[in-house]
């Protein structure tokens, strides 16, 4: 694989569904390892499951166009599992195992697109 393929998961990925829920993933790929942040805002903004800035709550391993990731919720749930499947500038989130030992807010499936303006400090 070329150097370009080695960072295809890196960047900010965002999606919004019909109910107005928003999922944002800020991802950094280093070879086959992925780290980043998971942020899900749902129930019209009344449930915000996001980590503090700079505090990675998502990590995993990449194989081809798929990443298997573990994520922790800011509501106490840990070790949730999801798959991320990449197709160009689109990514599909699929929840595999819900976080345990605490609360969480995570979508079952979600379609995300790469935010070309993302990853800027605010």
N, C-alpha and C. Protein backbone atom coordinates (compact mmCIF):
# COMPACT_ATOMS: atom_id res chain seq x y z
N UNK A 1 0.84 -1.20 0.00
CA UNK A 1 0.00 0.00 0.00
C UNK A 1 0.87 1.25 0.00
N UNK A 2 0.39 2.28 -0.63
CA UNK A 2 1.13 3.52 -0.68
C UNK A 2 0.97 4.34 0.58
N UNK A 3 1.73 5.40 0.67
CA UNK A 3 1.71 6.26 1.86
C UNK A 3 0.34 6.89 2.06
N UNK A 4 -0.36 7.18 0.96
CA UNK A 4 -1.68 7.81 1.09
C UNK A 4 -2.68 6.90 1.79
N UNK A 5 -2.60 5.62 1.51
CA UNK A 5 -3.55 4.67 2.11
C UNK A 5 -3.34 4.53 3.61
N UNK A 6 -2.15 4.88 4.10
CA UNK A 6 -1.84 4.69 5.50
C UNK A 6 -2.57 5.65 6.43
N UNK A 7 -3.20 6.67 5.89
CA UNK A 7 -3.91 7.62 6.76
C UNK A 7 -5.33 7.86 6.30
N UNK A 8 -5.91 6.92 5.58
CA UNK A 8 -7.24 7.15 5.02
C UNK A 8 -8.33 7.30 6.07
N UNK A 9 -8.11 6.80 7.30
CA UNK A 9 -9.11 6.97 8.35
C UNK A 9 -8.95 8.30 9.09
N UNK A 10 -7.77 8.93 8.97
CA UNK A 10 -7.50 10.16 9.71
C UNK A 10 -8.41 11.30 9.28
N UNK A 11 -8.81 12.11 10.24
CA UNK A 11 -9.62 13.28 9.95
C UNK A 11 -10.84 13.35 10.83
N UNK A 12 -11.67 14.33 10.54
CA UNK A 12 -12.92 14.49 11.29
C UNK A 12 -14.06 13.97 10.43
N UNK A 13 -14.88 13.11 11.01
CA UNK A 13 -16.01 12.49 10.34
C UNK A 13 -17.27 12.89 11.07
N UNK A 14 -18.30 13.34 10.33
CA UNK A 14 -19.53 13.82 10.96
C UNK A 14 -20.75 13.29 10.22
N UNK A 15 -21.82 13.13 10.98
CA UNK A 15 -23.08 12.75 10.37
C UNK A 15 -24.23 13.22 11.23
N UNK A 16 -25.38 13.43 10.59
CA UNK A 16 -26.60 13.82 11.31
C UNK A 16 -27.75 13.00 10.75
N UNK A 17 -28.61 12.48 11.64
CA UNK A 17 -29.74 11.69 11.16
C UNK A 17 -31.02 12.51 11.15
N UNK A 18 -32.12 11.86 10.75
CA UNK A 18 -33.41 12.56 10.61
C UNK A 18 -33.88 13.15 11.94
N UNK A 19 -33.54 12.49 13.04
CA UNK A 19 -33.98 12.95 14.37
C UNK A 19 -33.13 14.10 14.90
N UNK A 20 -32.10 14.49 14.14
CA UNK A 20 -31.25 15.59 14.56
C UNK A 20 -30.09 15.18 15.45
N UNK A 21 -29.89 13.87 15.63
CA UNK A 21 -28.74 13.40 16.40
C UNK A 21 -27.48 13.55 15.55
N UNK A 22 -26.36 13.87 16.20
CA UNK A 22 -25.10 14.12 15.50
C UNK A 22 -24.01 13.23 16.08
N UNK A 23 -23.28 12.54 15.20
CA UNK A 23 -22.13 11.74 15.61
C UNK A 23 -20.90 12.35 14.96
N UNK A 24 -19.86 12.62 15.77
CA UNK A 24 -18.60 13.16 15.27
C UNK A 24 -17.46 12.28 15.77
N UNK A 25 -16.61 11.85 14.85
CA UNK A 25 -15.40 11.10 15.20
C UNK A 25 -14.20 11.89 14.72
N UNK A 26 -13.27 12.19 15.61
CA UNK A 26 -11.98 12.78 15.24
C UNK A 26 -10.97 11.65 15.34
N UNK A 27 -10.41 11.25 14.20
CA UNK A 27 -9.57 10.06 14.16
C UNK A 27 -8.16 10.36 13.69
N UNK A 28 -7.21 9.64 14.25
CA UNK A 28 -5.81 9.72 13.83
C UNK A 28 -5.31 8.31 13.59
N UNK A 29 -4.91 8.05 12.37
CA UNK A 29 -4.41 6.73 12.00
C UNK A 29 -2.89 6.74 11.99
N UNK A 30 -2.28 5.72 12.59
CA UNK A 30 -0.84 5.53 12.55
C UNK A 30 -0.60 4.07 12.17
N UNK A 31 -0.25 3.83 10.92
CA UNK A 31 -0.15 2.47 10.36
C UNK A 31 -1.50 1.78 10.53
N UNK A 32 -1.57 0.67 11.26
CA UNK A 32 -2.85 -0.05 11.40
C UNK A 32 -3.57 0.27 12.71
N UNK A 33 -3.07 1.26 13.44
CA UNK A 33 -3.67 1.63 14.73
C UNK A 33 -4.45 2.93 14.57
N UNK A 34 -5.62 2.98 15.21
CA UNK A 34 -6.46 4.18 15.13
C UNK A 34 -6.79 4.63 16.55
N UNK A 35 -6.71 5.94 16.77
CA UNK A 35 -7.06 6.56 18.05
C UNK A 35 -7.87 7.80 17.77
N UNK A 36 -8.67 8.23 18.74
CA UNK A 36 -9.41 9.46 18.54
C UNK A 36 -10.51 9.66 19.54
N UNK A 37 -11.45 10.52 19.16
CA UNK A 37 -12.55 10.86 20.05
C UNK A 37 -13.88 10.53 19.40
N UNK A 38 -14.81 10.17 20.26
CA UNK A 38 -16.17 9.81 19.89
C UNK A 38 -17.09 10.82 20.57
N UNK A 39 -18.00 11.42 19.81
CA UNK A 39 -18.93 12.41 20.37
C UNK A 39 -20.30 12.21 19.73
N UNK A 40 -21.29 11.87 20.56
CA UNK A 40 -22.65 11.63 20.07
C UNK A 40 -23.60 12.55 20.83
N UNK A 41 -24.31 13.38 20.08
CA UNK A 41 -25.29 14.31 20.65
C UNK A 41 -26.66 13.88 20.17
N UNK A 42 -27.56 13.59 21.12
CA UNK A 42 -28.87 13.05 20.77
C UNK A 42 -29.95 13.66 21.66
N UNK A 43 -31.18 13.24 21.44
CA UNK A 43 -32.35 13.75 22.17
C UNK A 43 -32.39 15.29 22.14
N UNK A 44 -32.27 15.82 20.93
CA UNK A 44 -32.32 17.26 20.68
C UNK A 44 -31.31 18.04 21.53
N UNK A 45 -30.15 17.46 21.72
CA UNK A 45 -29.10 18.13 22.48
C UNK A 45 -29.16 17.90 23.97
N UNK A 46 -30.15 17.13 24.43
CA UNK A 46 -30.28 16.87 25.87
C UNK A 46 -29.34 15.78 26.36
N UNK A 47 -28.78 14.98 25.48
CA UNK A 47 -27.81 13.95 25.85
C UNK A 47 -26.56 14.16 25.00
N UNK A 48 -25.49 14.53 25.67
CA UNK A 48 -24.23 14.81 24.99
C UNK A 48 -23.18 13.85 25.54
N UNK A 49 -22.82 12.85 24.74
CA UNK A 49 -21.85 11.84 25.15
C UNK A 49 -20.53 12.14 24.43
N UNK A 50 -19.76 13.05 25.00
CA UNK A 50 -18.51 13.50 24.40
C UNK A 50 -17.43 13.55 25.47
N UNK A 51 -16.22 13.26 25.08
CA UNK A 51 -15.09 13.32 25.99
C UNK A 51 -14.54 14.74 26.05
N UNK A 52 -13.71 15.02 27.04
CA UNK A 52 -13.04 16.32 27.12
C UNK A 52 -12.08 16.45 25.94
N UNK A 53 -11.86 17.68 25.44
CA UNK A 53 -10.94 17.87 24.32
C UNK A 53 -9.56 17.27 24.63
N UNK A 54 -9.02 16.54 23.66
CA UNK A 54 -7.70 15.95 23.81
C UNK A 54 -7.67 14.65 24.58
N UNK A 55 -8.82 14.19 25.06
CA UNK A 55 -8.91 12.96 25.85
C UNK A 55 -9.48 11.85 24.96
N UNK A 56 -8.60 11.04 24.36
CA UNK A 56 -9.05 10.00 23.44
C UNK A 56 -9.92 8.97 24.16
N UNK A 57 -11.10 8.70 23.59
CA UNK A 57 -11.99 7.69 24.17
C UNK A 57 -12.34 6.61 23.14
N UNK A 58 -11.55 6.53 22.07
CA UNK A 58 -11.78 5.55 21.01
C UNK A 58 -10.43 5.06 20.50
N UNK A 59 -10.28 3.75 20.35
CA UNK A 59 -9.05 3.19 19.80
C UNK A 59 -9.34 1.83 19.17
N UNK A 60 -8.49 1.45 18.23
CA UNK A 60 -8.72 0.17 17.58
C UNK A 60 -7.68 -0.17 16.55
N UNK A 61 -8.01 -1.19 15.76
CA UNK A 61 -7.11 -1.75 14.76
C UNK A 61 -7.80 -1.71 13.39
N UNK A 62 -7.01 -1.35 12.37
CA UNK A 62 -7.52 -1.25 11.01
C UNK A 62 -7.09 -2.46 10.20
N UNK A 63 -8.02 -3.00 9.42
CA UNK A 63 -7.72 -4.07 8.46
C UNK A 63 -8.43 -3.70 7.16
N UNK A 64 -7.67 -3.28 6.17
CA UNK A 64 -8.27 -2.87 4.90
C UNK A 64 -9.09 -1.61 5.08
N UNK A 65 -10.36 -1.67 4.63
CA UNK A 65 -11.25 -0.51 4.74
C UNK A 65 -12.15 -0.59 5.97
N UNK A 66 -11.75 -1.43 6.94
CA UNK A 66 -12.56 -1.59 8.16
C UNK A 66 -11.67 -1.39 9.38
N UNK A 67 -12.23 -0.71 10.38
CA UNK A 67 -11.56 -0.58 11.67
C UNK A 67 -12.49 -1.15 12.73
N UNK A 68 -11.94 -1.98 13.60
CA UNK A 68 -12.68 -2.48 14.75
C UNK A 68 -12.21 -1.66 15.95
N UNK A 69 -13.13 -0.91 16.56
CA UNK A 69 -12.76 0.02 17.61
C UNK A 69 -13.47 -0.29 18.92
N UNK A 70 -12.83 0.14 20.01
CA UNK A 70 -13.42 0.12 21.35
C UNK A 70 -13.63 1.59 21.71
N UNK A 71 -14.72 1.88 22.44
CA UNK A 71 -14.95 3.26 22.85
C UNK A 71 -15.55 3.28 24.25
N UNK A 72 -15.31 4.38 24.95
CA UNK A 72 -15.85 4.60 26.29
C UNK A 72 -16.80 5.78 26.26
N UNK A 73 -17.83 5.71 27.07
CA UNK A 73 -18.83 6.77 27.15
C UNK A 73 -18.50 7.74 28.28
N UNK A 74 -18.87 9.00 28.10
CA UNK A 74 -18.71 9.97 29.19
C UNK A 74 -19.77 9.76 30.27
N UNK A 75 -20.72 8.84 30.02
CA UNK A 75 -21.75 8.50 31.01
C UNK A 75 -21.34 7.28 31.84
N UNK A 76 -20.08 6.86 31.74
CA UNK A 76 -19.57 5.79 32.58
C UNK A 76 -19.40 4.44 31.92
N UNK A 77 -20.10 4.19 30.81
CA UNK A 77 -19.97 2.91 30.12
C UNK A 77 -18.60 2.78 29.47
N UNK A 78 -18.03 1.57 29.54
CA UNK A 78 -16.70 1.34 28.98
C UNK A 78 -16.71 0.11 28.06
N UNK A 79 -15.70 0.05 27.22
CA UNK A 79 -15.45 -1.10 26.35
C UNK A 79 -16.58 -1.39 25.36
N UNK A 80 -17.23 -0.34 24.86
CA UNK A 80 -18.16 -0.52 23.76
C UNK A 80 -17.36 -0.90 22.52
N UNK A 81 -17.98 -1.62 21.60
CA UNK A 81 -17.29 -2.02 20.38
C UNK A 81 -18.12 -1.61 19.17
N UNK A 82 -17.41 -1.12 18.16
CA UNK A 82 -18.07 -0.73 16.91
C UNK A 82 -17.14 -1.03 15.75
N UNK A 83 -17.72 -1.12 14.56
CA UNK A 83 -16.91 -1.23 13.36
C UNK A 83 -17.10 0.04 12.55
N UNK A 84 -16.03 0.47 11.91
CA UNK A 84 -16.05 1.62 11.01
C UNK A 84 -15.67 1.11 9.64
N UNK A 85 -16.57 1.27 8.67
CA UNK A 85 -16.26 0.83 7.31
C UNK A 85 -16.16 2.04 6.41
N UNK A 86 -15.05 2.09 5.67
CA UNK A 86 -14.72 3.24 4.86
C UNK A 86 -15.03 2.97 3.40
N UNK A 87 -15.66 3.95 2.74
CA UNK A 87 -15.90 3.89 1.31
C UNK A 87 -15.72 5.30 0.77
N UNK A 88 -14.50 5.61 0.32
CA UNK A 88 -14.20 6.96 -0.14
C UNK A 88 -14.28 7.95 1.00
N UNK A 89 -15.11 8.99 0.83
CA UNK A 89 -15.29 10.00 1.88
C UNK A 89 -16.52 9.72 2.73
N UNK A 90 -16.97 8.47 2.73
CA UNK A 90 -18.10 8.05 3.57
C UNK A 90 -17.65 6.94 4.51
N UNK A 91 -18.17 6.99 5.72
CA UNK A 91 -17.85 5.97 6.72
C UNK A 91 -19.15 5.50 7.36
N UNK A 92 -19.25 4.20 7.60
CA UNK A 92 -20.42 3.65 8.28
C UNK A 92 -20.01 3.14 9.66
N UNK A 93 -20.67 3.66 10.69
CA UNK A 93 -20.50 3.22 12.07
C UNK A 93 -21.52 2.12 12.34
N UNK A 94 -21.08 1.00 12.90
CA UNK A 94 -22.00 -0.07 13.31
C UNK A 94 -21.65 -0.47 14.74
N UNK A 95 -22.62 -0.36 15.63
CA UNK A 95 -22.42 -0.76 17.02
C UNK A 95 -22.42 -2.28 17.10
N UNK A 96 -21.38 -2.86 17.68
CA UNK A 96 -21.26 -4.31 17.80
C UNK A 96 -21.59 -4.75 19.23
N UNK A 97 -21.07 -4.02 20.22
CA UNK A 97 -21.29 -4.37 21.62
C UNK A 97 -21.45 -3.07 22.41
N UNK A 98 -22.52 -2.97 23.18
CA UNK A 98 -22.77 -1.74 23.94
C UNK A 98 -21.78 -1.63 25.09
N UNK A 99 -21.44 -0.40 25.51
CA UNK A 99 -20.56 -0.23 26.67
C UNK A 99 -21.18 -0.85 27.92
N UNK A 100 -20.33 -1.30 28.84
CA UNK A 100 -20.78 -1.95 30.07
C UNK A 100 -20.38 -1.13 31.29
N UNK A 101 -20.95 -1.46 32.43
CA UNK A 101 -20.61 -0.87 33.73
C UNK A 101 -20.95 0.61 33.82
N UNK A 102 -21.94 1.06 33.07
CA UNK A 102 -22.33 2.46 33.15
C UNK A 102 -23.25 2.83 32.00
N UNK A 103 -23.69 4.07 32.00
CA UNK A 103 -24.57 4.55 30.95
C UNK A 103 -23.81 4.84 29.67
N UNK A 104 -24.55 5.04 28.60
CA UNK A 104 -23.94 5.40 27.31
C UNK A 104 -25.03 5.89 26.37
N UNK A 105 -24.61 6.63 25.38
CA UNK A 105 -25.47 7.00 24.25
C UNK A 105 -24.65 6.73 23.01
N UNK A 106 -25.12 5.78 22.18
CA UNK A 106 -24.40 5.41 20.96
C UNK A 106 -25.42 4.93 19.94
N UNK A 107 -25.27 5.34 18.70
CA UNK A 107 -26.21 4.89 17.67
C UNK A 107 -25.91 3.45 17.25
N UNK A 108 -26.95 2.76 16.78
CA UNK A 108 -26.79 1.40 16.26
C UNK A 108 -26.00 1.45 14.95
N UNK A 109 -26.45 2.26 14.01
CA UNK A 109 -25.72 2.49 12.76
C UNK A 109 -25.79 3.98 12.45
N UNK A 110 -24.78 4.47 11.75
CA UNK A 110 -24.73 5.89 11.43
C UNK A 110 -23.85 6.07 10.21
N UNK A 111 -24.23 6.95 9.31
CA UNK A 111 -23.41 7.27 8.14
C UNK A 111 -22.72 8.61 8.37
N UNK A 112 -21.41 8.61 8.18
CA UNK A 112 -20.60 9.81 8.40
C UNK A 112 -19.92 10.21 7.09
N UNK A 113 -19.62 11.49 6.95
CA UNK A 113 -18.83 11.96 5.82
C UNK A 113 -17.63 12.72 6.35
N UNK A 114 -16.56 12.70 5.57
CA UNK A 114 -15.34 13.39 5.97
C UNK A 114 -15.58 14.90 5.94
N UNK A 115 -15.22 15.56 7.02
CA UNK A 115 -15.33 17.01 7.10
C UNK A 115 -14.00 17.59 6.63
N UNK A 116 -13.99 18.15 5.44
CA UNK A 116 -12.74 18.67 4.87
C UNK A 116 -12.22 19.88 5.65
N UNK A 117 -13.10 20.55 6.41
CA UNK A 117 -12.67 21.72 7.19
C UNK A 117 -12.37 21.34 8.64
N UNK A 118 -12.52 20.08 8.98
CA UNK A 118 -12.42 19.64 10.37
C UNK A 118 -11.02 19.66 10.92
N UNK A 119 -10.91 19.26 12.19
CA UNK A 119 -9.66 19.14 12.92
C UNK A 119 -8.99 20.49 13.13
N UNK A 120 -9.75 21.57 13.05
CA UNK A 120 -9.18 22.88 13.34
C UNK A 120 -9.40 23.17 14.81
N UNK A 121 -8.41 23.80 15.45
CA UNK A 121 -8.63 24.14 16.86
C UNK A 121 -9.58 25.32 16.94
N UNK A 122 -10.44 25.27 17.93
CA UNK A 122 -11.46 26.31 18.08
C UNK A 122 -10.99 27.35 19.06
